[in-house]
Amino acid sequence: MSALDQVPEVDAQALGLNVVYPADDELLLDIDSNADAEWLVQMLDVLRENDESVEVEKTTTSKSGNLHVYIKMDRKLSSIERVALQACLGSDRKRELLSVLRIWYTDRAPTVLFEKPS
């Protein structure tokens, strides 16, 4: 099975995790390194220079110990806009490329996070 065919709920259940889908006006970033975290800070500054309403809602720790960042926008986003912004802000590039491929070739949700149960 390719990464495009995977079903998030099945994968999450096998790992004991919850699936999180973005709200229409939300970005879900997967930040995998300190360099990506620094890039995120810089790019958030650029984004906020042009849109002051951008707000980091929360951050969580991923199952692998990296960072998940939830960002609220003041507009609804198409799937491709969401993926583009996430990639520009430093989210895991492989994840975002797979998201574009899901948009093109499947009916699966392109953007999800797996979170540890509370």
PDB file of N, CA and C in Angstrom:
ATOM      1  N   MET A   1       0.855  -1.180   0.000  1.00  0.00           N
ATOM      2  CA  MET A   1       0.000   0.000   0.000  1.00  0.00           C
ATOM      3  C   MET A   1       0.899   1.242   0.000  1.00  0.00           C
ATOM      4  N   SER A   2       0.600   2.190  -0.891  1.00  0.00           N
ATOM      5  CA  SER A   2       1.385   3.423  -0.922  1.00  0.00           C
ATOM      6  C   SER A   2       0.889   4.380   0.152  1.00  0.00           C
ATOM      7  N   ALA A   3       1.688   5.391   0.429  1.00  0.00           N
ATOM      8  CA  ALA A   3       1.319   6.394   1.437  1.00  0.00           C
ATOM      9  C   ALA A   3       0.020   7.103   1.061  1.00  0.00           C
ATOM     10  N   LEU A   4      -0.275   7.168  -0.230  1.00  0.00           N
ATOM     11  CA  LEU A   4      -1.504   7.826  -0.673  1.00  0.00           C
ATOM     12  C   LEU A   4      -2.744   7.021  -0.323  1.00  0.00           C
ATOM     13  N   ASP A   5      -2.600   5.711  -0.199  1.00  0.00           N
ATOM     14  CA  ASP A   5      -3.737   4.836   0.064  1.00  0.00           C
ATOM     15  C   ASP A   5      -4.016   4.622   1.545  1.00  0.00           C
ATOM     16  N   GLN A   6      -3.134   5.076   2.396  1.00  0.00           N
ATOM     17  CA  GLN A   6      -3.306   4.837   3.829  1.00  0.00           C
ATOM     18  C   GLN A   6      -4.540   5.564   4.358  1.00  0.00           C
ATOM     19  N   VAL A   7      -5.192   4.936   5.312  1.00  0.00           N
ATOM     20  CA  VAL A   7      -6.389   5.501   5.945  1.00  0.00           C
ATOM     21  C   VAL A   7      -5.975   6.004   7.328  1.00  0.00           C
ATOM     22  N   PRO A   8      -6.045   7.322   7.571  1.00  0.00           N
ATOM     23  CA  PRO A   8      -5.540   7.880   8.828  1.00  0.00           C
ATOM     24  C   PRO A   8      -6.105   7.214  10.075  1.00  0.00           C
ATOM     25  N   GLU A   9      -7.405   6.932  10.087  1.00  0.00           N
ATOM     26  CA  GLU A   9      -8.012   6.346  11.291  1.00  0.00           C
ATOM     27  C   GLU A   9      -7.453   4.958  11.592  1.00  0.00           C
ATOM     28  N   VAL A  10      -7.188   4.191  10.557  1.00  0.00           N
ATOM     29  CA  VAL A  10      -6.643   2.848  10.748  1.00  0.00           C
ATOM     30  C   VAL A  10      -5.214   2.938  11.284  1.00  0.00           C
ATOM     31  N   ASP A  11      -4.402   3.812  10.669  1.00  0.00           N
ATOM     32  CA  ASP A  11      -3.021   3.986  11.126  1.00  0.00           C
ATOM     33  C   ASP A  11      -2.979   4.501  12.558  1.00  0.00           C
ATOM     34  N   ALA A  12      -3.821   5.482  12.866  1.00  0.00           N
ATOM     35  CA  ALA A  12      -3.839   6.066  14.204  1.00  0.00           C
ATOM     36  C   ALA A  12      -4.242   5.026  15.244  1.00  0.00           C
ATOM     37  N   GLN A  13      -5.264   4.258  14.932  1.00  0.00           N
ATOM     38  CA  GLN A  13      -5.726   3.236  15.885  1.00  0.00           C
ATOM     39  C   GLN A  13      -4.616   2.233  16.177  1.00  0.00           C
ATOM     40  N   ALA A  14      -3.890   1.819  15.149  1.00  0.00           N
ATOM     41  CA  ALA A  14      -2.803   0.854  15.333  1.00  0.00           C
ATOM     42  C   ALA A  14      -1.702   1.417  16.224  1.00  0.00           C
ATOM     43  N   LEU A  15      -1.539   2.739  16.212  1.00  0.00           N
ATOM     44  CA  LEU A  15      -0.497   3.396  17.000  1.00  0.00           C
ATOM     45  C   LEU A  15      -1.005   3.925  18.341  1.00  0.00           C
ATOM     46  N   GLY A  16      -2.309   3.783  18.594  1.00  0.00           N
ATOM     47  CA  GLY A  16      -2.892   4.300  19.826  1.00  0.00           C
ATOM     48  C   GLY A  16      -2.963   5.825  19.853  1.00  0.00           C
ATOM     49  N   LEU A  17      -3.172   6.429  18.691  1.00  0.00           N
ATOM     50  CA  LEU A  17      -3.205   7.882  18.574  1.00  0.00           C
ATOM     51  C   LEU A  17      -4.562   8.355  18.071  1.00  0.00           C
ATOM     52  N   ASN A  18      -4.820   9.655  18.204  1.00  0.00           N
ATOM     53  CA  ASN A  18      -6.032  10.281  17.684  1.00  0.00           C
ATOM     54  C   ASN A  18      -5.706  11.007  16.383  1.00  0.00           C
ATOM     55  N   VAL A  19      -6.660  11.022  15.461  1.00  0.00           N
ATOM     56  CA  VAL A  19      -6.525  11.769  14.210  1.00  0.00           C
ATOM     57  C   VAL A  19      -7.130  13.153  14.411  1.00  0.00           C
ATOM     58  N   VAL A  20      -6.404  14.178  13.974  1.00  0.00           N
ATOM     59  CA  VAL A  20      -6.894  15.553  14.040  1.00  0.00           C
ATOM     60  C   VAL A  20      -6.965  16.094  12.613  1.00  0.00           C
ATOM     61  N   TYR A  21      -8.144  16.585  12.251  1.00  0.00           N
ATOM     62  CA  TYR A  21      -8.345  17.223  10.951  1.00  0.00           C
ATOM     63  C   TYR A  21      -8.388  18.733  11.159  1.00  0.00           C
ATOM     64  N   PRO A  22      -7.906  19.512  10.191  1.00  0.00           N
ATOM     65  CA  PRO A  22      -7.925  20.962  10.376  1.00  0.00           C
ATOM     66  C   PRO A  22      -9.330  21.534  10.206  1.00  0.00           C
ATOM     67  N   ALA A  23      -9.608  22.605  10.940  1.00  0.00           N
ATOM     68  CA  ALA A  23     -10.809  23.397  10.671  1.00  0.00           C
ATOM     69  C   ALA A  23     -10.597  24.116   9.340  1.00  0.00           C
ATOM     70  N   ASP A  24     -11.657  24.654   8.782  1.00  0.00           N
ATOM     71  CA  ASP A  24     -11.569  25.324   7.483  1.00  0.00           C
ATOM     72  C   ASP A  24     -10.565  26.478   7.462  1.00  0.00           C
ATOM     73  N   ASP A  25     -10.325  27.078   8.628  1.00  0.00           N
ATOM     74  CA  ASP A  25      -9.455  28.249   8.716  1.00  0.00           C
ATOM     75  C   ASP A  25      -8.173  27.961   9.503  1.00  0.00           C
ATOM     76  N   GLU A  26      -7.735  26.718   9.463  1.00  0.00           N
ATOM     77  CA  GLU A  26      -6.630  26.295  10.323  1.00  0.00           C
ATOM     78  C   GLU A  26      -5.518  25.621   9.522  1.00  0.00           C
ATOM     79  N   LEU A  27      -4.285  25.875   9.954  1.00  0.00           N
ATOM     80  CA  LEU A  27      -3.107  25.179   9.445  1.00  0.00           C
ATOM     81  C   LEU A  27      -2.640  24.211  10.521  1.00  0.00           C
ATOM     82  N   LEU A  28      -2.152  23.047  10.104  1.00  0.00           N
ATOM     83  CA  LEU A  28      -1.593  22.054  11.027  1.00  0.00           C
ATOM     84  C   LEU A  28      -0.169  21.758  10.565  1.00  0.00           C
ATOM     85  N   LEU A  29       0.817  22.248  11.302  1.00  0.00           N
ATOM     86  CA  LEU A  29       2.210  22.085  10.901  1.00  0.00           C
ATOM     87  C   LEU A  29       2.884  20.985  11.700  1.00  0.00           C
ATOM     88  N   ASP A  30       3.753  20.269  11.006  1.00  0.00           N
ATOM     89  CA  ASP A  30       4.583  19.226  11.609  1.00  0.00           C
ATOM     90  C   ASP A  30       6.026  19.711  11.514  1.00  0.00           C
ATOM     91  N   ILE A  31       6.561  20.206  12.612  1.00  0.00           N
ATOM     92  CA  ILE A  31       7.896  20.804  12.643  1.00  0.00           C
ATOM     93  C   ILE A  31       8.865  19.767  13.205  1.00  0.00           C
ATOM     94  N   ASP A  32       9.849  19.377  12.368  1.00  0.00           N
ATOM     95  CA  ASP A  32      10.703  18.237  12.697  1.00  0.00           C
ATOM     96  C   ASP A  32      12.106  18.570  13.178  1.00  0.00           C
ATOM     97  N   SER A  33      12.486  19.841  13.185  1.00  0.00           N
ATOM     98  CA  SER A  33      13.851  20.178  13.609  1.00  0.00           C
ATOM     99  C   SER A  33      13.891  21.587  14.170  1.00  0.00           C
ATOM    100  N   ASN A  34      14.987  21.891  14.881  1.00  0.00           N
ATOM    101  CA  ASN A  34      15.178  23.248  15.391  1.00  0.00           C
ATOM    102  C   ASN A  34      15.266  24.248  14.246  1.00  0.00           C
ATOM    103  N   ALA A  35      15.914  23.851  13.147  1.00  0.00           N
ATOM    104  CA  ALA A  35      16.026  24.743  11.990  1.00  0.00           C
ATOM    105  C   ALA A  35      14.641  25.059  11.425  1.00  0.00           C
ATOM    106  N   ASP A  36      13.762  24.056  11.360  1.00  0.00           N
ATOM    107  CA  ASP A  36      12.400  24.287  10.874  1.00  0.00           C
ATOM    108  C   ASP A  36      11.615  25.171  11.847  1.00  0.00           C
ATOM    109  N   ALA A  37      11.854  25.019  13.134  1.00  0.00           N
ATOM    110  CA  ALA A  37      11.189  25.861  14.135  1.00  0.00           C
ATOM    111  C   ALA A  37      11.646  27.312  13.999  1.00  0.00           C
ATOM    112  N   GLU A  38      12.927  27.520  13.767  1.00  0.00           N
ATOM    113  CA  GLU A  38      13.437  28.877  13.555  1.00  0.00           C
ATOM    114  C   GLU A  38      12.857  29.474  12.274  1.00  0.00           C
ATOM    115  N   TRP A  39      12.778  28.662  11.220  1.00  0.00           N
ATOM    116  CA  TRP A  39      12.182  29.106   9.962  1.00  0.00           C
ATOM    117  C   TRP A  39      10.722  29.518  10.180  1.00  0.00           C
ATOM    118  N   LEU A  40       9.988  28.716  10.956  1.00  0.00           N
ATOM    119  CA  LEU A  40       8.590  29.029  11.255  1.00  0.00           C
ATOM    120  C   LEU A  40       8.471  30.412  11.892  1.00  0.00           C
ATOM    121  N   VAL A  41       9.311  30.713  12.863  1.00  0.00           N
ATOM    122  CA  VAL A  41       9.261  32.023  13.531  1.00  0.00           C
ATOM    123  C   VAL A  41       9.489  33.141  12.513  1.00  0.00           C
ATOM    124  N   GLN A  42      10.483  32.965  11.659  1.00  0.00           N
ATOM    125  CA  GLN A  42      10.781  33.988  10.649  1.00  0.00           C
ATOM    126  C   GLN A  42       9.620  34.165   9.668  1.00  0.00           C
ATOM    127  N   MET A  43       9.062  33.063   9.208  1.00  0.00           N
ATOM    128  CA  MET A  43       7.991  33.138   8.214  1.00  0.00           C
ATOM    129  C   MET A  43       6.681  33.619   8.824  1.00  0.00           C
ATOM    130  N   LEU A  44       6.443  33.329  10.109  1.00  0.00           N
ATOM    131  CA  LEU A  44       5.271  33.887  10.781  1.00  0.00           C
ATOM    132  C   LEU A  44       5.362  35.406  10.826  1.00  0.00           C
ATOM    133  N   ASP A  45       6.584  35.936  11.039  1.00  0.00           N
ATOM    134  CA  ASP A  45       6.771  37.394  11.012  1.00  0.00           C
ATOM    135  C   ASP A  45       6.374  37.965   9.654  1.00  0.00           C
ATOM    136  N   VAL A  46       6.806  37.305   8.580  1.00  0.00           N
ATOM    137  CA  VAL A  46       6.464  37.759   7.225  1.00  0.00           C
ATOM    138  C   VAL A  46       4.950  37.692   7.017  1.00  0.00           C
ATOM    139  N   LEU A  47       4.348  36.594   7.420  1.00  0.00           N
ATOM    140  CA  LEU A  47       2.907  36.424   7.253  1.00  0.00           C
ATOM    141  C   LEU A  47       2.140  37.481   8.045  1.00  0.00           C
ATOM    142  N   ARG A  48       2.572  37.737   9.277  1.00  0.00           N
ATOM    143  CA  ARG A  48       1.873  38.705  10.135  1.00  0.00           C
ATOM    144  C   ARG A  48       2.064  40.146   9.672  1.00  0.00           C
ATOM    145  N   GLU A  49       3.145  40.428   8.939  1.00  0.00           N
ATOM    146  CA  GLU A  49       3.315  41.765   8.362  1.00  0.00           C
ATOM    147  C   GLU A  49       2.187  42.063   7.384  1.00  0.00           C
ATOM    148  N   ASN A  50       1.635  41.028   6.803  1.00  0.00           N
ATOM    149  CA  ASN A  50       0.593  41.178   5.798  1.00  0.00           C
ATOM    150  C   ASN A  50      -0.789  40.755   6.280  1.00  0.00           C
ATOM    151  N   ASP A  51      -0.840  40.060   7.390  1.00  0.00           N
ATOM    152  CA  ASP A  51      -2.112  39.586   7.941  1.00  0.00           C
ATOM    153  C   ASP A  51      -1.958  39.477   9.456  1.00  0.00           C
ATOM    154  N   GLU A  52      -2.349  40.533  10.141  1.00  0.00           N
ATOM    155  CA  GLU A  52      -2.147  40.599  11.596  1.00  0.00           C
ATOM    156  C   GLU A  52      -3.016  39.624  12.372  1.00  0.00           C
ATOM    157  N   SER A  53      -4.001  39.040  11.721  1.00  0.00           N
ATOM    158  CA  SER A  53      -4.924  38.151  12.435  1.00  0.00           C
ATOM    159  C   SER A  53      -4.363  36.742  12.639  1.00  0.00           C
ATOM    160  N   VAL A  54      -3.244  36.419  12.018  1.00  0.00           N
ATOM    161  CA  VAL A  54      -2.671  35.073  12.134  1.00  0.00           C
ATOM    162  C   VAL A  54      -2.307  34.805  13.591  1.00  0.00           C
ATOM    163  N   GLU A  55      -2.772  33.671  14.101  1.00  0.00           N
ATOM    164  CA  GLU A  55      -2.583  33.370  15.526  1.00  0.00           C
ATOM    165  C   GLU A  55      -2.160  31.911  15.725  1.00  0.00           C
ATOM    166  N   VAL A  56      -1.091  31.714  16.481  1.00  0.00           N
ATOM    167  CA  VAL A  56      -0.729  30.356  16.875  1.00  0.00           C
ATOM    168  C   VAL A  56      -1.686  29.960  17.993  1.00  0.00           C
ATOM    169  N   GLU A  57      -2.522  28.974  17.715  1.00  0.00           N
ATOM    170  CA  GLU A  57      -3.524  28.528  18.684  1.00  0.00           C
ATOM    171  C   GLU A  57      -2.909  27.691  19.789  1.00  0.00           C
ATOM    172  N   LYS A  58      -2.097  26.711  19.371  1.00  0.00           N
ATOM    173  CA  LYS A  58      -1.467  25.830  20.357  1.00  0.00           C
ATOM    174  C   LYS A  58      -0.339  25.066  19.693  1.00  0.00           C
ATOM    175  N   THR A  59       0.502  24.505  20.536  1.00  0.00           N
ATOM    176  CA  THR A  59       1.544  23.597  20.081  1.00  0.00           C
ATOM    177  C   THR A  59       1.442  22.327  20.929  1.00  0.00           C
ATOM    178  N   THR A  60       1.772  21.209  20.314  1.00  0.00           N
ATOM    179  CA  THR A  60       1.789  19.933  21.025  1.00  0.00           C
ATOM    180  C   THR A  60       3.048  19.184  20.621  1.00  0.00           C
ATOM    181  N   THR A  61       3.353  18.153  21.366  1.00  0.00           N
ATOM    182  CA  THR A  61       4.498  17.312  21.037  1.00  0.00           C
ATOM    183  C   THR A  61       4.004  16.085  20.290  1.00  0.00           C
ATOM    184  N   SER A  62       4.624  15.820  19.151  1.00  0.00           N
ATOM    185  CA  SER A  62       4.227  14.669  18.341  1.00  0.00           C
ATOM    186  C   SER A  62       4.694  13.372  18.990  1.00  0.00           C
ATOM    187  N   LYS A  63       4.229  12.245  18.460  1.00  0.00           N
ATOM    188  CA  LYS A  63       4.622  10.943  18.997  1.00  0.00           C
ATOM    189  C   LYS A  63       6.118  10.723  18.904  1.00  0.00           C
ATOM    190  N   SER A  64       6.777  11.357  17.938  1.00  0.00           N
ATOM    191  CA  SER A  64       8.223  11.205  17.777  1.00  0.00           C
ATOM    192  C   SER A  64       9.013  12.274  18.538  1.00  0.00           C
ATOM    193  N   GLY A  65       8.310  13.130  19.278  1.00  0.00           N
ATOM    194  CA  GLY A  65       8.979  14.140  20.081  1.00  0.00           C
ATOM    195  C   GLY A  65       9.180  15.467  19.382  1.00  0.00           C
ATOM    196  N   ASN A  66       8.678  15.588  18.158  1.00  0.00           N
ATOM    197  CA  ASN A  66       8.772  16.852  17.437  1.00  0.00           C
ATOM    198  C   ASN A  66       7.592  17.745  17.788  1.00  0.00           C
ATOM    199  N   LEU A  67       7.400  18.798  17.024  1.00  0.00           N
ATOM    200  CA  LEU A  67       6.419  19.828  17.360  1.00  0.00           C
ATOM    201  C   LEU A  67       5.276  19.842  16.360  1.00  0.00           C
ATOM    202  N   HIS A  68       4.051  19.884  16.870  1.00  0.00           N
ATOM    203  CA  HIS A  68       2.877  20.154  16.046  1.00  0.00           C
ATOM    204  C   HIS A  68       2.408  21.565  16.392  1.00  0.00           C
ATOM    205  N   VAL A  69       2.165  22.370  15.369  1.00  0.00           N
ATOM    206  CA  VAL A  69       1.749  23.761  15.574  1.00  0.00           C
ATOM    207  C   VAL A  69       0.412  23.979  14.875  1.00  0.00           C
ATOM    208  N   TYR A  70      -0.555  24.495  15.614  1.00  0.00           N
ATOM    209  CA  TYR A  70      -1.886  24.800  15.102  1.00  0.00           C
ATOM    210  C   TYR A  70      -1.966  26.317  14.918  1.00  0.00           C
ATOM    211  N   ILE A  71      -2.261  26.751  13.708  1.00  0.00           N
ATOM    212  CA  ILE A  71      -2.319  28.181  13.395  1.00  0.00           C
ATOM    213  C   ILE A  71      -3.700  28.518  12.859  1.00  0.00           C
ATOM    214  N   LYS A  72      -4.307  29.573  13.420  1.00  0.00           N
ATOM    215  CA  LYS A  72      -5.637  30.025  13.012  1.00  0.00           C
ATOM    216  C   LYS A  72      -5.488  31.190  12.045  1.00  0.00           C
ATOM    217  N   MET A  73      -6.211  31.105  10.934  1.00  0.00           N
ATOM    218  CA  MET A  73      -6.238  32.166   9.937  1.00  0.00           C
ATOM    219  C   MET A  73      -7.583  32.882  10.026  1.00  0.00           C
ATOM    220  N   ASP A  74      -7.719  34.007   9.348  1.00  0.00           N
ATOM    221  CA  ASP A  74      -8.993  34.733   9.375  1.00  0.00           C
ATOM    222  C   ASP A  74      -9.834  34.455   8.131  1.00  0.00           C
ATOM    223  N   ARG A  75      -9.510  33.376   7.443  1.00  0.00           N
ATOM    224  CA  ARG A  75     -10.233  33.027   6.227  1.00  0.00           C
ATOM    225  C   ARG A  75     -10.286  31.520   6.071  1.00  0.00           C
ATOM    226  N   LYS A  76     -11.256  31.075   5.313  1.00  0.00           N
ATOM    227  CA  LYS A  76     -11.318  29.658   4.959  1.00  0.00           C
ATOM    228  C   LYS A  76     -10.229  29.386   3.933  1.00  0.00           C
ATOM    229  N   LEU A  77      -9.636  28.216   4.015  1.00  0.00           N
ATOM    230  CA  LEU A  77      -8.551  27.830   3.117  1.00  0.00           C
ATOM    231  C   LEU A  77      -8.959  26.628   2.283  1.00  0.00           C
ATOM    232  N   SER A  78      -8.592  26.656   1.013  1.00  0.00           N
ATOM    233  CA  SER A  78      -8.744  25.443   0.212  1.00  0.00           C
ATOM    234  C   SER A  78      -7.652  24.474   0.651  1.00  0.00           C
ATOM    235  N   SER A  79      -7.797  23.234   0.283  1.00  0.00           N
ATOM    236  CA  SER A  79      -6.777  22.244   0.649  1.00  0.00           C
ATOM    237  C   SER A  79      -5.412  22.625   0.098  1.00  0.00           C
ATOM    238  N   ILE A  80      -5.365  23.083  -1.137  1.00  0.00           N
ATOM    239  CA  ILE A  80      -4.072  23.409  -1.745  1.00  0.00           C
ATOM    240  C   ILE A  80      -3.463  24.660  -1.106  1.00  0.00           C
ATOM    241  N   GLU A  81      -4.285  25.637  -0.724  1.00  0.00           N
ATOM    242  CA  GLU A  81      -3.764  26.809  -0.007  1.00  0.00           C
ATOM    243  C   GLU A  81      -3.174  26.386   1.337  1.00  0.00           C
ATOM    244  N   ARG A  82      -3.886  25.499   2.035  1.00  0.00           N
ATOM    245  CA  ARG A  82      -3.415  25.030   3.342  1.00  0.00           C
ATOM    246  C   ARG A  82      -2.052  24.344   3.197  1.00  0.00           C
ATOM    247  N   VAL A  83      -1.929  23.441   2.241  1.00  0.00           N
ATOM    248  CA  VAL A  83      -0.682  22.707   2.054  1.00  0.00           C
ATOM    249  C   VAL A  83       0.447  23.659   1.667  1.00  0.00           C
ATOM    250  N   ALA A  84       0.160  24.606   0.785  1.00  0.00           N
ATOM    251  CA  ALA A  84       1.186  25.567   0.369  1.00  0.00           C
ATOM    252  C   ALA A  84       1.676  26.398   1.550  1.00  0.00           C
ATOM    253  N   LEU A  85       0.760  26.905   2.353  1.00  0.00           N
ATOM    254  CA  LEU A  85       1.161  27.707   3.511  1.00  0.00           C
ATOM    255  C   LEU A  85       1.931  26.869   4.526  1.00  0.00           C
ATOM    256  N   GLN A  86       1.476  25.651   4.764  1.00  0.00           N
ATOM    257  CA  GLN A  86       2.181  24.787   5.710  1.00  0.00           C
ATOM    258  C   GLN A  86       3.612  24.547   5.247  1.00  0.00           C
ATOM    259  N   ALA A  87       3.792  24.271   3.968  1.00  0.00           N
ATOM    260  CA  ALA A  87       5.137  24.041   3.430  1.00  0.00           C
ATOM    261  C   ALA A  87       5.984  25.315   3.544  1.00  0.00           C
ATOM    262  N   CYS A  88       5.412  26.458   3.210  1.00  0.00           N
ATOM    263  CA  CYS A  88       6.147  27.727   3.294  1.00  0.00           C
ATOM    264  C   CYS A  88       6.572  28.045   4.723  1.00  0.00           C
ATOM    265  N   LEU A  89       5.773  27.614   5.686  1.00  0.00           N
ATOM    266  CA  LEU A  89       6.062  27.905   7.089  1.00  0.00           C
ATOM    267  C   LEU A  89       7.023  26.897   7.721  1.00  0.00           C
ATOM    268  N   GLY A  90       7.411  25.848   6.977  1.00  0.00           N
ATOM    269  CA  GLY A  90       8.428  24.931   7.487  1.00  0.00           C
ATOM    270  C   GLY A  90       7.935  23.563   7.892  1.00  0.00           C
ATOM    271  N   SER A  91       6.671  23.248   7.621  1.00  0.00           N
ATOM    272  CA  SER A  91       6.165  21.922   7.950  1.00  0.00           C
ATOM    273  C   SER A  91       6.915  20.871   7.135  1.00  0.00           C
ATOM    274  N   ASP A  92       6.947  19.668   7.642  1.00  0.00           N
ATOM    275  CA  ASP A  92       7.641  18.536   7.017  1.00  0.00           C
ATOM    276  C   ASP A  92       7.351  18.505   5.516  1.00  0.00           C
ATOM    277  N   ARG A  93       8.386  18.721   4.701  1.00  0.00           N
ATOM    278  CA  ARG A  93       8.213  18.818   3.258  1.00  0.00           C
ATOM    279  C   ARG A  93       7.704  17.528   2.626  1.00  0.00           C
ATOM    280  N   LYS A  94       8.153  16.384   3.090  1.00  0.00           N
ATOM    281  CA  LYS A  94       7.651  15.126   2.533  1.00  0.00           C
ATOM    282  C   LYS A  94       6.159  14.989   2.813  1.00  0.00           C
ATOM    283  N   ARG A  95       5.772  15.318   4.024  1.00  0.00           N
ATOM    284  CA  ARG A  95       4.360  15.254   4.398  1.00  0.00           C
ATOM    285  C   ARG A  95       3.531  16.147   3.488  1.00  0.00           C
ATOM    286  N   GLU A  96       4.027  17.365   3.234  1.00  0.00           N
ATOM    287  CA  GLU A  96       3.272  18.318   2.414  1.00  0.00           C
ATOM    288  C   GLU A  96       3.226  17.878   0.949  1.00  0.00           C
ATOM    289  N   LEU A  97       4.302  17.281   0.437  1.00  0.00           N
ATOM    290  CA  LEU A  97       4.285  16.756  -0.929  1.00  0.00           C
ATOM    291  C   LEU A  97       3.271  15.627  -1.051  1.00  0.00           C
ATOM    292  N   LEU A  98       3.255  14.729  -0.068  1.00  0.00           N
ATOM    293  CA  LEU A  98       2.254  13.662  -0.076  1.00  0.00           C
ATOM    294  C   LEU A  98       0.839  14.243  -0.006  1.00  0.00           C
ATOM    295  N   SER A  99       0.678  15.342   0.699  1.00  0.00           N
ATOM    296  CA  SER A  99      -0.631  15.997   0.763  1.00  0.00           C
ATOM    297  C   SER A  99      -1.059  16.509  -0.609  1.00  0.00           C
ATOM    298  N   VAL A 100      -0.142  17.104  -1.357  1.00  0.00           N
ATOM    299  CA  VAL A 100      -0.459  17.553  -2.715  1.00  0.00           C
ATOM    300  C   VAL A 100      -0.865  16.350  -3.571  1.00  0.00           C
ATOM    301  N   LEU A 101      -0.128  15.263  -3.464  1.00  0.00           N
ATOM    302  CA  LEU A 101      -0.449  14.064  -4.244  1.00  0.00           C
ATOM    303  C   LEU A 101      -1.817  13.505  -3.861  1.00  0.00           C
ATOM    304  N   ARG A 102      -2.170  13.581  -2.575  1.00  0.00           N
ATOM    305  CA  ARG A 102      -3.508  13.133  -2.161  1.00  0.00           C
ATOM    306  C   ARG A 102      -4.588  14.013  -2.795  1.00  0.00           C
ATOM    307  N   ILE A 103      -4.336  15.321  -2.858  1.00  0.00           N
ATOM    308  CA  ILE A 103      -5.296  16.231  -3.482  1.00  0.00           C
ATOM    309  C   ILE A 103      -5.487  15.847  -4.954  1.00  0.00           C
ATOM    310  N   TRP A 104      -4.395  15.572  -5.629  1.00  0.00           N
ATOM    311  CA  TRP A 104      -4.459  15.262  -7.059  1.00  0.00           C
ATOM    312  C   TRP A 104      -5.080  13.905  -7.361  1.00  0.00           C
ATOM    313  N   TYR A 105      -4.732  12.874  -6.559  1.00  0.00           N
ATOM    314  CA  TYR A 105      -5.017  11.502  -6.964  1.00  0.00           C
ATOM    315  C   TYR A 105      -5.984  10.725  -6.091  1.00  0.00           C
ATOM    316  N   THR A 106      -6.412  11.276  -4.977  1.00  0.00           N
ATOM    317  CA  THR A 106      -7.301  10.512  -4.098  1.00  0.00           C
ATOM    318  C   THR A 106      -8.426  11.395  -3.571  1.00  0.00           C
ATOM    319  N   ASP A 107      -9.328  10.798  -2.841  1.00  0.00           N
ATOM    320  CA  ASP A 107     -10.362  11.572  -2.150  1.00  0.00           C
ATOM    321  C   ASP A 107     -10.089  11.603  -0.646  1.00  0.00           C
ATOM    322  N   ARG A 108      -8.894  11.213  -0.248  1.00  0.00           N
ATOM    323  CA  ARG A 108      -8.501  11.198   1.169  1.00  0.00           C
ATOM    324  C   ARG A 108      -8.202  12.622   1.640  1.00  0.00           C
ATOM    325  N   ALA A 109      -8.411  12.858   2.923  1.00  0.00           N
ATOM    326  CA  ALA A 109      -8.065  14.158   3.511  1.00  0.00           C
ATOM    327  C   ALA A 109      -6.565  14.382   3.356  1.00  0.00           C
ATOM    328  N   PRO A 110      -6.149  15.497   2.773  1.00  0.00           N
ATOM    329  CA  PRO A 110      -4.723  15.706   2.552  1.00  0.00           C
ATOM    330  C   PRO A 110      -3.954  16.085   3.808  1.00  0.00           C
ATOM    331  N   THR A 111      -4.611  16.704   4.775  1.00  0.00           N
ATOM    332  CA  THR A 111      -3.914  17.187   5.963  1.00  0.00           C
ATOM    333  C   THR A 111      -4.526  16.602   7.224  1.00  0.00           C
ATOM    334  N   VAL A 112      -3.720  15.878   7.987  1.00  0.00           N
ATOM    335  CA  VAL A 112      -4.117  15.364   9.301  1.00  0.00           C
ATOM    336  C   VAL A 112      -2.887  15.345  10.197  1.00  0.00           C
ATOM    337  N   LEU A 113      -3.124  15.359  11.476  1.00  0.00           N
ATOM    338  CA  LEU A 113      -2.066  15.111  12.460  1.00  0.00           C
ATOM    339  C   LEU A 113      -2.484  13.922  13.296  1.00  0.00           C
ATOM    340  N   PHE A 114      -1.510  13.181  13.782  1.00  0.00           N
ATOM    341  CA  PHE A 114      -1.767  12.119  14.756  1.00  0.00           C
ATOM    342  C   PHE A 114      -1.283  12.659  16.100  1.00  0.00           C
ATOM    343  N   GLU A 115      -2.196  12.681  17.072  1.00  0.00           N
ATOM    344  CA  GLU A 115      -1.883  13.207  18.396  1.00  0.00           C
ATOM    345  C   GLU A 115      -2.042  12.129  19.457  1.00  0.00           C
ATOM    346  N   LYS A 116      -1.231  12.248  20.496  1.00  0.00           N
ATOM    347  CA  LYS A 116      -1.362  11.354  21.646  1.00  0.00           C
ATOM    348  C   LYS A 116      -2.683  11.656  22.342  1.00  0.00           C
ATOM    349  N   PRO A 117      -3.391  10.628  22.813  1.00  0.00           N
ATOM    350  CA  PRO A 117      -4.636  10.890  23.552  1.00  0.00           C
ATOM    351  C   PRO A 117      -4.349  11.701  24.816  1.00  0.00           C
ATOM    352  N   SER A 118      -5.288  12.555  25.178  1.00  0.00           N
ATOM    353  CA  SER A 118      -5.107  13.377  26.386  1.00  0.00           C
ATOM    354  C   SER A 118      -5.337  12.572  27.636  1.00  0.00           C
TER     355      SER A 118
END
